[in-house]
Amino acid sequence: MSEVRSSGTGPLDLVLDVGKTHSKLLVLDRAGEVLAQRERDSQVRDSGLGYSCNYSALDTQGIADWLEDGLAGLGALRRHLSSAVVSAHGAAFAAVQGEQLAWPVPDYEWDGFDPQRAPDWAQQIGDFGETFSPDLPRGLNAATQFDWLERRLPETFARGRLLPLPQYWAWWLSGVAASEISSLGCHTHLWAPDAGTYSRLAQRRGWAQRFAPMRRAWEVLGPLRPQLAQRLGLPSGLRVHVGAHDSNACLARYLRSHPRMTLVTTGTWIVVMAPGAPARRLHAELDQLCNVSVRQERVPTGRFMGGRELQGLCAGADPELANAEDLQRLLARGVMALPGFETQGGPFRERVGRVVDAAGDEVPLTALSPSERATLAALYTAQVTAWIVDNLGGTGPLIVEGPFAHNPVYTGVLAGLTPRESLLISTDPLEGTARGAWMLSHWTEPGFSAPATDGAKALGGEALSALHARWRKALESSQSATA
């Protein structure tokens, strides 16, 4: 737990942000200042359902234990908590029965889903234009998880009421089961954005009927469970909100002040969300999709696993070593990384990544210094981001949120590659996912100011433009060669 700061006696808000890589528990005052924060690395475990059907599952029990410990450790702040809200990553759904999970929540990265798909799966999921969900690897589509569970563990899967992961934790806090649109509309094959209802697949397989009732992200589900309040010394009147999918929570904080913009949320995934962009430009094979905002708006989206690719290209180097001087040296030598370096999602997930110089010769990562590797990683992830922005047809301004907003090479290269739009960087010390979740708990209240942002300084100049042109040409050449 970080140092707990005093806040007087005003009402406080609790935010639980469950990410794929890290989870955070935060306490904020009504001015939005963080008074206490605790973090935990996310983990997975065996489902424990038997050798033949065992799958990798999210560590919900571990998070619950950590959460209880964190709440109990808030000291005097506990007495002033008045609301709680959850944001959580997508591609994760739970089932609850009575007072507990009906079965372990599958980990979407488990590699056992791919080789055991139904033979007619492509026909079952139907047309991309209905769900705007591309058919993704592993368990990145919730329907893939459901299909596997229903065929392999029919009696287990048949138990419980279904709900998305953010609402599972809201249920854990309140005891009230609900579903919410931003998680259901996040590359699941379960939702039809234009129709505003469950997909034909979800209805035909009987999954739609099993979901908890739909509620809006900012609504109050009810008070904290009495037994939880008593055990942890929390106020019995603490209000629990429905909560939202994490990237959509981040988007929500900008919807009031920037109804037309392109948002880049960064972390394990780099997600480009372009409200108002034309859905006709989307291509399923490029891992482009429509998210659904908390206001039930269709949001054309592209993404890739940028955080994982950055770490891979850093090869042990600290990403903070990225700098403008090394960028100029790499550009002068024509050194660039060609996609891709992660097979889970993204437009280039089926390509094999490599690093080359101006002559097209391979450059081993071991031949680069740690700062050069960090700089190359930032350059590469900015290039892929710019490629996605251009393909989506998003409108400006372009806003960068999350850890990559603090990487000057990433933001500088992105600004240099998107000159038609102004690039804004979030200057909020709190990441957009947690801030957006907090704002949802005050969604119906007037008077909240626009998010704090600052402009980005473009880097690279003509040398960057020339290298990026070569980069795009190499992508097109390799695509033509494999067509």
Protein backbone atom coordinates (compact mmCIF):
# COMPACT_ATOMS: atom_id res chain seq x y z
CA MET A 1 0.00 0.00 0.00
CA SER A 2 1.34 3.43 -0.86
CA GLU A 3 1.43 6.05 1.90
CA VAL A 4 -2.10 6.85 3.03
CA ARG A 5 -2.78 10.57 3.05
CA SER A 6 -5.28 12.34 5.26
CA SER A 7 -8.29 13.90 3.54
CA GLY A 8 -10.31 15.35 6.40
CA THR A 9 -13.81 13.97 6.66
CA GLY A 10 -15.19 14.34 3.11
CA PRO A 11 -16.72 11.42 1.19
CA LEU A 12 -14.22 9.19 -0.65
CA ASP A 13 -14.41 6.95 -3.70
CA LEU A 14 -12.95 3.47 -4.18
CA VAL A 15 -11.70 2.38 -7.62
CA LEU A 16 -10.73 -1.21 -8.44
CA ASP A 17 -8.88 -1.47 -11.78
CA VAL A 18 -8.31 -5.11 -12.76
CA GLY A 19 -5.84 -5.24 -15.65
CA LYS A 20 -4.41 -8.22 -17.49
CA THR A 21 -0.92 -7.39 -16.23
CA HIS A 22 -1.55 -5.36 -13.07
CA SER A 23 -4.47 -4.64 -10.76
CA LYS A 24 -4.87 -1.46 -8.72
CA LEU A 25 -6.91 -0.45 -5.71
CA LEU A 26 -7.23 3.31 -5.25
CA VAL A 27 -8.98 5.71 -2.89
CA LEU A 28 -9.77 9.19 -4.26
CA ASP A 29 -11.32 12.26 -2.73
CA ARG A 30 -14.04 14.25 -4.47
CA ALA A 31 -11.42 16.48 -6.12
CA GLY A 32 -10.01 13.36 -7.79
CA GLU A 33 -6.80 13.26 -5.77
CA VAL A 34 -5.40 9.81 -4.98
CA LEU A 35 -5.12 9.31 -1.23
CA ALA A 36 -4.13 5.64 -1.18
CA GLN A 37 -3.08 3.10 -3.80
CA ARG A 38 -2.15 -0.54 -3.83
CA GLU A 39 -1.01 -2.68 -6.79
CA ARG A 40 -0.76 -6.37 -7.55
CA ASP A 41 0.72 -8.27 -10.50
CA SER A 42 -1.98 -10.30 -12.21
CA GLN A 43 -1.56 -14.06 -12.19
CA VAL A 44 -3.16 -17.16 -13.69
CA ARG A 45 -3.61 -20.65 -12.28
CA ASP A 46 -4.87 -24.08 -13.27
CA SER A 47 -8.63 -24.39 -13.29
CA GLY A 48 -8.39 -27.58 -11.27
CA LEU A 49 -11.18 -29.27 -13.26
CA GLY A 50 -9.27 -32.41 -14.14
CA TYR A 51 -6.45 -33.45 -16.43
CA SER A 52 -8.40 -33.82 -19.65
CA CYS A 53 -10.29 -30.54 -19.33
CA ASN A 54 -7.93 -28.40 -17.29
CA TYR A 55 -7.50 -24.85 -18.57
CA SER A 56 -5.63 -21.76 -17.49
CA ALA A 57 -7.83 -19.52 -15.33
CA LEU A 58 -7.66 -16.03 -13.85
CA ASP A 59 -6.63 -15.85 -10.21
CA THR A 60 -9.89 -14.44 -8.88
CA GLN A 61 -9.33 -15.84 -5.40
CA GLY A 62 -5.91 -14.22 -5.24
CA ILE A 63 -7.38 -10.85 -6.23
CA ALA A 64 -10.18 -11.27 -3.67
CA ASP A 65 -7.66 -11.96 -0.89
CA TRP A 66 -5.51 -9.01 -1.98
CA LEU A 67 -8.58 -6.78 -2.18
CA GLU A 68 -9.78 -7.70 1.30
CA ASP A 69 -6.31 -7.13 2.71
CA GLY A 70 -6.08 -3.77 0.95
CA LEU A 71 -9.48 -2.61 2.15
CA ALA A 72 -8.74 -3.66 5.69
CA GLY A 73 -5.46 -1.73 5.53
CA LEU A 74 -7.03 1.61 4.67
CA GLY A 75 -7.28 2.56 8.31
CA ALA A 76 -9.35 5.65 9.07
CA LEU A 77 -10.07 6.21 5.36
CA ARG A 78 -12.48 3.28 5.44
CA ARG A 79 -15.08 5.23 7.40
CA HIS A 80 -15.38 7.86 4.67
CA LEU A 81 -15.82 5.59 1.63
CA SER A 82 -19.12 6.37 -0.07
CA SER A 83 -18.86 4.73 -3.53
CA ALA A 84 -17.00 1.97 -5.36
CA VAL A 85 -16.54 1.36 -9.08
CA VAL A 86 -14.68 -1.32 -11.08
CA SER A 87 -12.95 -1.36 -14.45
CA ALA A 88 -11.50 -4.59 -15.82
CA HIS A 89 -9.96 -6.00 -18.97
CA GLY A 90 -11.99 -7.53 -21.76
CA ALA A 91 -12.26 -11.11 -23.03
CA ALA A 92 -13.10 -12.35 -19.55
CA PHE A 93 -16.50 -13.53 -18.31
CA ALA A 94 -17.63 -15.21 -15.12
CA ALA A 95 -20.64 -17.22 -13.98
CA VAL A 96 -22.01 -16.88 -10.46
CA GLN A 97 -24.20 -19.33 -8.61
CA GLY A 98 -25.40 -18.58 -5.12
CA GLU A 99 -22.57 -16.82 -3.32
CA GLN A 100 -19.67 -18.10 -5.41
CA LEU A 101 -18.20 -18.62 -8.86
CA ALA A 102 -19.83 -21.43 -10.80
CA TRP A 103 -16.54 -22.26 -12.59
CA PRO A 104 -13.05 -20.70 -12.82
CA VAL A 105 -12.84 -17.67 -15.15
CA PRO A 106 -10.87 -18.72 -18.26
CA ASP A 107 -7.67 -16.90 -19.14
CA TYR A 108 -7.99 -15.66 -22.72
CA GLU A 109 -4.27 -16.33 -23.30
CA TRP A 110 -4.62 -20.07 -22.74
CA ASP A 111 -3.39 -21.79 -25.88
CA GLY A 112 -5.72 -24.79 -25.62
CA PHE A 113 -8.67 -23.04 -27.28
CA ASP A 114 -7.13 -22.91 -30.76
CA PRO A 115 -6.60 -26.61 -31.55
CA GLN A 116 -10.01 -27.63 -30.18
CA ARG A 117 -12.41 -25.28 -31.96
CA ALA A 118 -15.69 -26.55 -33.37
CA PRO A 119 -15.23 -27.65 -37.01
CA ASP A 120 -17.99 -25.30 -38.22
CA TRP A 121 -16.98 -22.37 -36.04
CA ALA A 122 -16.60 -19.93 -38.93
CA GLN A 123 -20.18 -20.63 -39.99
CA GLN A 124 -21.47 -20.33 -36.43
CA ILE A 125 -20.03 -16.88 -35.76
CA GLY A 126 -21.57 -15.54 -38.96
CA ASP A 127 -20.93 -12.31 -40.79
CA PHE A 128 -18.41 -9.75 -39.50
CA GLY A 129 -20.92 -7.00 -40.27
CA GLU A 130 -23.26 -8.28 -37.55
CA THR A 131 -20.93 -8.33 -34.52
CA PHE A 132 -17.91 -6.40 -35.89
CA SER A 133 -15.83 -8.97 -33.97
CA PRO A 134 -12.90 -10.47 -35.86
CA ASP A 135 -12.23 -14.16 -35.29
CA LEU A 136 -9.25 -13.95 -32.93
CA PRO A 137 -6.70 -16.49 -31.66
CA ARG A 138 -6.84 -18.31 -28.32
CA GLY A 139 -9.75 -17.10 -26.19
CA LEU A 140 -9.79 -13.44 -27.21
CA ASN A 141 -13.40 -13.89 -28.37
CA ALA A 142 -15.60 -14.73 -25.39
CA ALA A 143 -17.77 -16.91 -27.61
CA THR A 144 -14.74 -19.13 -28.31
CA GLN A 145 -14.38 -19.73 -24.57
CA PHE A 146 -18.09 -20.46 -24.18
CA ASP A 147 -18.11 -22.88 -27.11
CA TRP A 148 -15.11 -24.77 -25.76
CA LEU A 149 -16.54 -24.96 -22.23
CA GLU A 150 -19.96 -26.08 -23.45
CA ARG A 151 -18.53 -28.85 -25.62
CA ARG A 152 -15.86 -30.08 -23.19
CA LEU A 153 -17.50 -29.38 -19.81
CA PRO A 154 -21.23 -29.16 -20.51
CA GLU A 155 -22.45 -29.78 -16.95
CA THR A 156 -19.95 -27.31 -15.51
CA PHE A 157 -20.66 -24.60 -18.07
CA ALA A 158 -24.43 -24.95 -17.64
CA ARG A 159 -24.20 -23.67 -14.07
CA GLY A 160 -24.58 -20.05 -13.07
CA ARG A 161 -25.59 -16.64 -14.40
CA LEU A 162 -23.15 -15.08 -16.86
CA LEU A 163 -21.65 -11.64 -16.39
CA PRO A 164 -18.57 -9.74 -17.64
CA LEU A 165 -15.46 -9.49 -15.47
CA PRO A 166 -16.01 -5.85 -14.30
CA GLN A 167 -19.50 -6.81 -13.19
CA TYR A 168 -18.23 -9.95 -11.48
CA TRP A 169 -16.22 -7.75 -9.14
CA ALA A 170 -19.17 -5.37 -8.74
CA TRP A 171 -21.21 -8.48 -7.78
CA TRP A 172 -18.45 -9.54 -5.37
CA LEU A 173 -18.82 -6.16 -3.65
CA SER A 174 -22.61 -5.76 -3.80
CA GLY A 175 -24.15 -9.18 -4.30
CA VAL A 176 -26.13 -7.84 -7.30
CA ALA A 177 -25.50 -9.45 -10.71
CA ALA A 178 -25.52 -7.24 -13.81
CA SER A 179 -24.18 -7.02 -17.36
CA GLU A 180 -22.88 -3.92 -19.12
CA ILE A 181 -22.57 -2.98 -22.79
CA SER A 182 -18.90 -2.00 -23.06
CA SER A 183 -17.66 -5.48 -22.07
CA LEU A 184 -20.32 -7.33 -24.05
CA GLY A 185 -19.46 -5.28 -27.13
CA CYS A 186 -15.71 -5.85 -26.89
CA HIS A 187 -14.76 -8.42 -29.62
CA THR A 188 -16.95 -11.12 -28.08
CA HIS A 189 -19.11 -12.41 -31.01
CA LEU A 190 -21.91 -12.05 -28.45
CA TRP A 191 -23.25 -8.58 -29.33
CA ALA A 192 -24.62 -6.93 -32.50
CA PRO A 193 -23.79 -3.20 -32.19
CA ASP A 194 -26.12 -1.94 -34.93
CA ALA A 195 -29.08 -3.96 -33.67
CA GLY A 196 -28.27 -3.15 -30.04
CA THR A 197 -28.95 -6.71 -28.94
CA TYR A 198 -27.30 -10.10 -28.45
CA SER A 199 -25.92 -11.72 -31.59
CA ARG A 200 -27.70 -14.52 -33.39
CA LEU A 201 -24.98 -16.90 -32.18
CA ALA A 202 -25.53 -15.92 -28.53
CA GLN A 203 -29.27 -16.30 -28.85
CA ARG A 204 -29.13 -19.57 -30.80
CA ARG A 205 -26.77 -21.20 -28.29
CA GLY A 206 -28.84 -20.02 -25.32
CA TRP A 207 -26.06 -17.87 -23.87
CA ALA A 208 -27.97 -14.58 -24.20
CA GLN A 209 -30.71 -15.81 -21.88
CA ARG A 210 -28.16 -16.63 -19.18
CA PHE A 211 -26.67 -13.15 -18.88
CA ALA A 212 -27.50 -10.98 -15.89
CA PRO A 213 -29.76 -7.97 -16.62
CA MET A 214 -28.21 -5.10 -18.55
CA ARG A 215 -27.37 -1.96 -16.56
CA ARG A 216 -25.56 1.25 -17.47
CA ALA A 217 -21.94 1.61 -16.32
CA TRP A 218 -22.62 4.57 -14.03
CA GLU A 219 -25.72 3.15 -12.33
CA VAL A 220 -25.67 2.11 -8.69
CA LEU A 221 -26.22 -1.62 -8.21
CA GLY A 222 -26.79 -1.31 -4.49
CA PRO A 223 -24.93 -1.02 -1.20
CA LEU A 224 -21.94 -3.09 -0.16
CA ARG A 225 -22.69 -6.63 1.02
CA PRO A 226 -23.52 -6.37 4.75
CA GLN A 227 -21.20 -9.22 5.70
CA LEU A 228 -18.32 -7.63 3.74
CA ALA A 229 -18.94 -4.25 5.35
CA GLN A 230 -18.97 -5.79 8.82
CA ARG A 231 -15.90 -7.97 8.27
CA LEU A 232 -13.74 -5.15 6.86
CA GLY A 233 -15.08 -2.23 8.85
CA LEU A 234 -16.56 -0.45 5.81
CA PRO A 235 -19.66 1.78 5.71
CA SER A 236 -22.84 -0.24 5.16
CA GLY A 237 -24.15 2.48 2.85
CA LEU A 238 -21.19 2.36 0.45
CA ARG A 239 -22.69 2.48 -3.08
CA VAL A 240 -21.39 0.03 -5.70
CA HIS A 241 -21.59 1.13 -9.34
CA VAL A 242 -21.92 -1.21 -12.33
CA GLY A 243 -18.45 -0.45 -13.81
CA ALA A 244 -17.04 -0.88 -17.32
CA HIS A 245 -14.49 -2.44 -19.65
CA ASP A 246 -11.14 -0.72 -19.01
CA SER A 247 -10.41 0.86 -22.41
CA ASN A 248 -13.99 2.05 -22.62
CA ALA A 249 -13.73 3.57 -19.15
CA CYS A 250 -10.76 5.53 -20.42
CA LEU A 251 -12.76 6.60 -23.49
CA ALA A 252 -15.69 7.67 -21.33
CA ARG A 253 -13.66 10.38 -19.61
CA TYR A 254 -13.22 12.15 -22.98
CA LEU A 255 -16.68 11.68 -24.47
CA ARG A 256 -18.10 14.84 -22.91
CA SER A 257 -15.26 17.22 -23.84
CA HIS A 258 -14.07 15.58 -27.10
CA PRO A 259 -17.04 13.97 -28.89
CA ARG A 260 -14.90 13.53 -32.02
CA MET A 261 -11.33 12.45 -31.41
CA THR A 262 -9.07 9.41 -31.69
CA LEU A 263 -7.99 7.93 -28.38
CA VAL A 264 -4.88 5.78 -27.99
CA THR A 265 -4.91 3.84 -24.73
CA THR A 266 -1.63 2.12 -23.94
CA GLY A 267 -0.44 -0.68 -21.73
CA THR A 268 -0.28 -4.42 -22.38
CA TRP A 269 -2.48 -3.58 -25.37
CA ILE A 270 -2.31 -0.41 -27.43
CA VAL A 271 -5.92 0.29 -28.40
CA VAL A 272 -6.88 2.96 -30.93
CA MET A 273 -10.53 4.03 -30.54
CA ALA A 274 -12.06 6.36 -33.13
CA PRO A 275 -15.63 7.46 -32.32
CA GLY A 276 -17.32 8.66 -35.49
CA ALA A 277 -14.98 6.87 -37.89
CA PRO A 278 -16.75 4.90 -40.66
CA ALA A 279 -17.32 1.24 -39.84
CA ARG A 280 -17.11 0.39 -43.54
CA ARG A 281 -13.32 0.83 -43.34
CA LEU A 282 -12.96 -1.99 -40.82
CA HIS A 283 -11.30 -5.24 -41.84
CA ALA A 284 -11.60 -8.28 -39.62
CA GLU A 285 -8.31 -9.78 -40.80
CA LEU A 286 -6.50 -6.68 -39.50
CA ASP A 287 -7.94 -7.16 -35.99
CA GLN A 288 -10.17 -4.14 -36.44
CA LEU A 289 -13.52 -4.16 -34.71
CA CYS A 290 -16.24 -2.06 -33.21
CA ASN A 291 -16.21 -1.50 -29.51
CA VAL A 292 -19.38 -0.20 -27.91
CA SER A 293 -19.06 2.81 -25.63
CA VAL A 294 -20.71 3.08 -22.23
CA ARG A 295 -23.29 5.26 -24.01
CA GLN A 296 -23.95 2.38 -26.48
CA GLU A 297 -22.21 4.16 -29.39
CA ARG A 298 -20.37 2.16 -32.02
CA VAL A 299 -16.62 2.85 -31.77
CA PRO A 300 -14.35 1.67 -34.64
CA THR A 301 -11.22 0.26 -33.03
CA GLY A 302 -7.85 -1.20 -33.93
CA ARG A 303 -5.29 -2.60 -31.55
CA PHE A 304 -2.14 -4.63 -31.08
CA MET A 305 -0.26 -6.02 -28.11
CA GLY A 306 2.08 -3.05 -28.00
CA GLY A 307 3.22 -3.46 -24.41
CA ARG A 308 4.33 -7.03 -25.02
CA GLU A 309 6.02 -6.13 -28.33
CA LEU A 310 7.85 -3.23 -26.70
CA GLN A 311 9.22 -5.52 -23.99
CA GLY A 312 10.25 -8.08 -26.60
CA LEU A 313 12.21 -5.54 -28.64
CA CYS A 314 13.74 -4.03 -25.50
CA ALA A 315 15.13 -7.51 -24.77
CA GLY A 316 15.79 -6.68 -21.15
CA ALA A 317 16.55 -2.98 -21.62
CA ASP A 318 14.64 -0.42 -19.55
CA PRO A 319 12.04 1.24 -21.86
CA GLU A 320 12.85 4.56 -20.17
CA LEU A 321 16.25 4.52 -21.91
CA ALA A 322 14.58 5.56 -25.20
CA ASN A 323 15.92 8.96 -26.31
CA ALA A 324 15.94 11.37 -29.25
CA GLU A 325 19.69 11.06 -29.89
CA ASP A 326 19.54 7.30 -30.40
CA LEU A 327 16.45 7.80 -32.57
CA GLN A 328 18.40 10.04 -34.94
CA ARG A 329 21.24 7.51 -35.09
CA LEU A 330 18.85 4.65 -35.87
CA LEU A 331 17.15 6.73 -38.56
CA ALA A 332 20.49 7.65 -40.10
CA ARG A 333 21.41 3.95 -40.31
CA GLY A 334 17.93 3.04 -41.58
CA VAL A 335 17.41 0.56 -38.73
CA MET A 336 13.76 -0.44 -38.31
CA ALA A 337 11.67 -3.27 -36.90
CA LEU A 338 9.21 -4.93 -39.24
CA PRO A 339 6.12 -6.59 -37.70
CA GLY A 340 5.30 -8.61 -35.84
CA PHE A 341 6.54 -9.79 -32.48
CA GLU A 342 3.35 -11.06 -30.82
CA THR A 343 0.81 -13.54 -32.18
CA GLN A 344 -2.10 -12.54 -29.94
CA GLY A 345 -4.11 -9.98 -31.84
CA GLY A 346 -3.10 -7.03 -33.96
CA PRO A 347 -3.00 -6.46 -37.72
CA PHE A 348 0.36 -8.21 -38.11
CA ARG A 349 -0.10 -11.18 -35.79
CA GLU A 350 0.60 -13.70 -38.57
CA ARG A 351 3.90 -12.12 -39.63
CA VAL A 352 7.33 -12.95 -38.26
CA GLY A 353 9.07 -9.82 -37.04
CA ARG A 354 12.63 -8.87 -37.84
CA VAL A 355 15.00 -5.93 -37.46
CA VAL A 356 16.76 -4.71 -40.62
CA ASP A 357 19.07 -1.90 -41.71
CA ALA A 358 18.90 0.37 -44.75
CA ALA A 359 20.25 -2.40 -46.99
CA GLY A 360 17.62 -4.86 -45.77
CA ASP A 361 20.15 -6.94 -43.85
CA GLU A 362 19.14 -8.49 -40.53
CA VAL A 363 20.26 -6.66 -37.41
CA PRO A 364 20.43 -8.87 -34.29
CA LEU A 365 19.04 -7.18 -31.19
CA THR A 366 22.28 -8.13 -29.45
CA ALA A 367 24.10 -5.78 -31.84
CA LEU A 368 22.20 -2.82 -30.40
CA SER A 369 22.94 -1.14 -27.09
CA PRO A 370 20.23 -1.16 -24.38
CA SER A 371 19.27 2.45 -25.13
CA GLU A 372 19.12 1.69 -28.87
CA ARG A 373 16.85 -1.30 -28.24
CA ALA A 374 14.54 0.81 -26.07
CA THR A 375 14.49 3.54 -28.73
CA LEU A 376 13.84 1.04 -31.52
CA ALA A 377 10.97 -0.46 -29.51
CA ALA A 378 9.39 2.98 -29.03
CA LEU A 379 9.87 3.78 -32.73
CA TYR A 380 8.27 0.50 -33.79
CA THR A 381 5.23 0.72 -31.52
CA ALA A 382 4.64 4.32 -32.65
CA GLN A 383 4.82 3.22 -36.31
CA VAL A 384 2.25 0.47 -35.79
CA THR A 385 0.01 2.90 -33.88
CA ALA A 386 0.23 5.46 -36.69
CA TRP A 387 -0.57 2.74 -39.25
CA ILE A 388 -3.72 1.79 -37.31
CA VAL A 389 -4.81 5.44 -36.92
CA ASP A 390 -4.45 5.97 -40.66
CA ASN A 391 -6.33 2.77 -41.53
CA LEU A 392 -9.22 3.54 -39.19
CA GLY A 393 -9.72 7.01 -40.63
CA GLY A 394 -10.05 8.56 -37.19
CA THR A 395 -10.48 12.28 -36.71
CA GLY A 396 -8.39 14.53 -34.46
CA PRO A 397 -7.26 15.41 -31.99
CA LEU A 398 -5.20 12.29 -31.30
CA ILE A 399 -4.97 11.70 -27.54
CA VAL A 400 -2.47 9.32 -25.90
CA GLU A 401 -3.26 7.79 -22.50
CA GLY A 402 -1.42 5.34 -20.28
CA PRO A 403 2.25 4.39 -19.77
CA PHE A 404 3.33 5.16 -23.36
CA ALA A 405 2.24 8.79 -22.86
CA HIS A 406 5.41 9.15 -20.74
CA ASN A 407 7.71 7.81 -23.47
CA PRO A 408 8.96 10.88 -25.41
CA VAL A 409 10.20 8.82 -28.35
CA TYR A 410 6.85 7.04 -28.75
CA THR A 411 4.85 10.29 -28.58
CA GLY A 412 7.40 12.23 -30.65
CA VAL A 413 7.44 9.67 -33.45
CA LEU A 414 3.65 9.36 -33.38
CA ALA A 415 3.34 13.15 -33.64
CA GLY A 416 5.77 13.14 -36.55
CA LEU A 417 3.82 10.44 -38.39
CA THR A 418 0.37 12.02 -37.89
CA PRO A 419 0.99 15.65 -38.89
CA ARG A 420 -2.62 16.33 -39.92
CA GLU A 421 -3.90 15.90 -36.38
CA SER A 422 -2.80 17.57 -33.17
CA LEU A 423 -1.33 15.05 -30.74
CA LEU A 424 -2.29 15.53 -27.10
CA ILE A 425 -0.75 13.69 -24.16
CA SER A 426 -2.61 13.12 -20.94
CA THR A 427 -0.90 14.95 -18.08
CA ASP A 428 -3.14 13.42 -15.44
CA PRO A 429 -0.92 11.61 -12.90
CA LEU A 430 -3.63 8.95 -12.69
CA GLU A 431 -3.92 6.60 -15.68
CA GLY A 432 -6.98 7.04 -17.86
CA THR A 433 -8.58 3.69 -17.06
CA ALA A 434 -8.76 4.39 -13.33
CA ARG A 435 -9.65 8.05 -13.91
CA GLY A 436 -12.42 7.07 -16.32
CA ALA A 437 -13.81 4.56 -13.85
CA TRP A 438 -13.79 7.23 -11.13
CA MET A 439 -15.59 9.65 -13.44
CA LEU A 440 -18.28 7.02 -14.12
CA SER A 441 -19.09 7.05 -10.42
CA HIS A 442 -19.85 10.79 -10.85
CA TRP A 443 -21.29 10.56 -14.38
CA THR A 444 -24.59 12.29 -13.64
CA GLU A 445 -23.00 15.12 -11.66
CA PRO A 446 -22.32 18.48 -13.39
CA GLY A 447 -19.14 20.50 -13.23
CA PHE A 448 -16.34 18.09 -14.11
CA SER A 449 -13.63 19.80 -16.18
CA ALA A 450 -12.04 18.48 -19.36
CA PRO A 451 -9.09 16.08 -18.88
CA ALA A 452 -5.69 17.75 -18.59
CA THR A 453 -3.52 17.34 -21.70
CA ASP A 454 -0.38 18.80 -23.25
CA GLY A 455 0.93 18.89 -26.81
CA ALA A 456 3.66 16.53 -28.04
CA LYS A 457 6.85 17.60 -29.78
CA ALA A 458 7.33 15.83 -33.11
CA LEU A 459 10.62 13.99 -33.61
CA GLY A 460 12.42 12.52 -36.59
CA GLY A 461 11.69 15.02 -39.34
CA GLU A 462 12.32 13.99 -42.95
CA ALA A 463 14.48 11.04 -41.91
CA LEU A 464 11.52 9.55 -40.03
CA SER A 465 9.18 10.13 -42.98
CA ALA A 466 11.63 8.38 -45.32
CA LEU A 467 12.10 5.42 -42.99
CA HIS A 468 8.35 5.06 -42.44
CA ALA A 469 7.78 5.06 -46.20
CA ARG A 470 10.28 2.20 -46.49
CA TRP A 471 8.56 0.45 -43.58
CA ARG A 472 5.16 0.65 -45.25
CA LYS A 473 6.60 -0.46 -48.60
CA ALA A 474 8.19 -3.49 -46.93
CA LEU A 475 4.83 -4.39 -45.40
CA GLU A 476 3.07 -4.11 -48.75
CA SER A 477 5.78 -6.15 -50.50
CA SER A 478 5.58 -8.96 -47.99
CA GLN A 479 1.79 -8.94 -48.21
CA SER A 480 1.94 -9.22 -52.01
CA ALA A 481 4.47 -12.04 -51.75
CA THR A 482 2.18 -14.08 -49.53
CA ALA A 483 -1.08 -13.27 -51.39
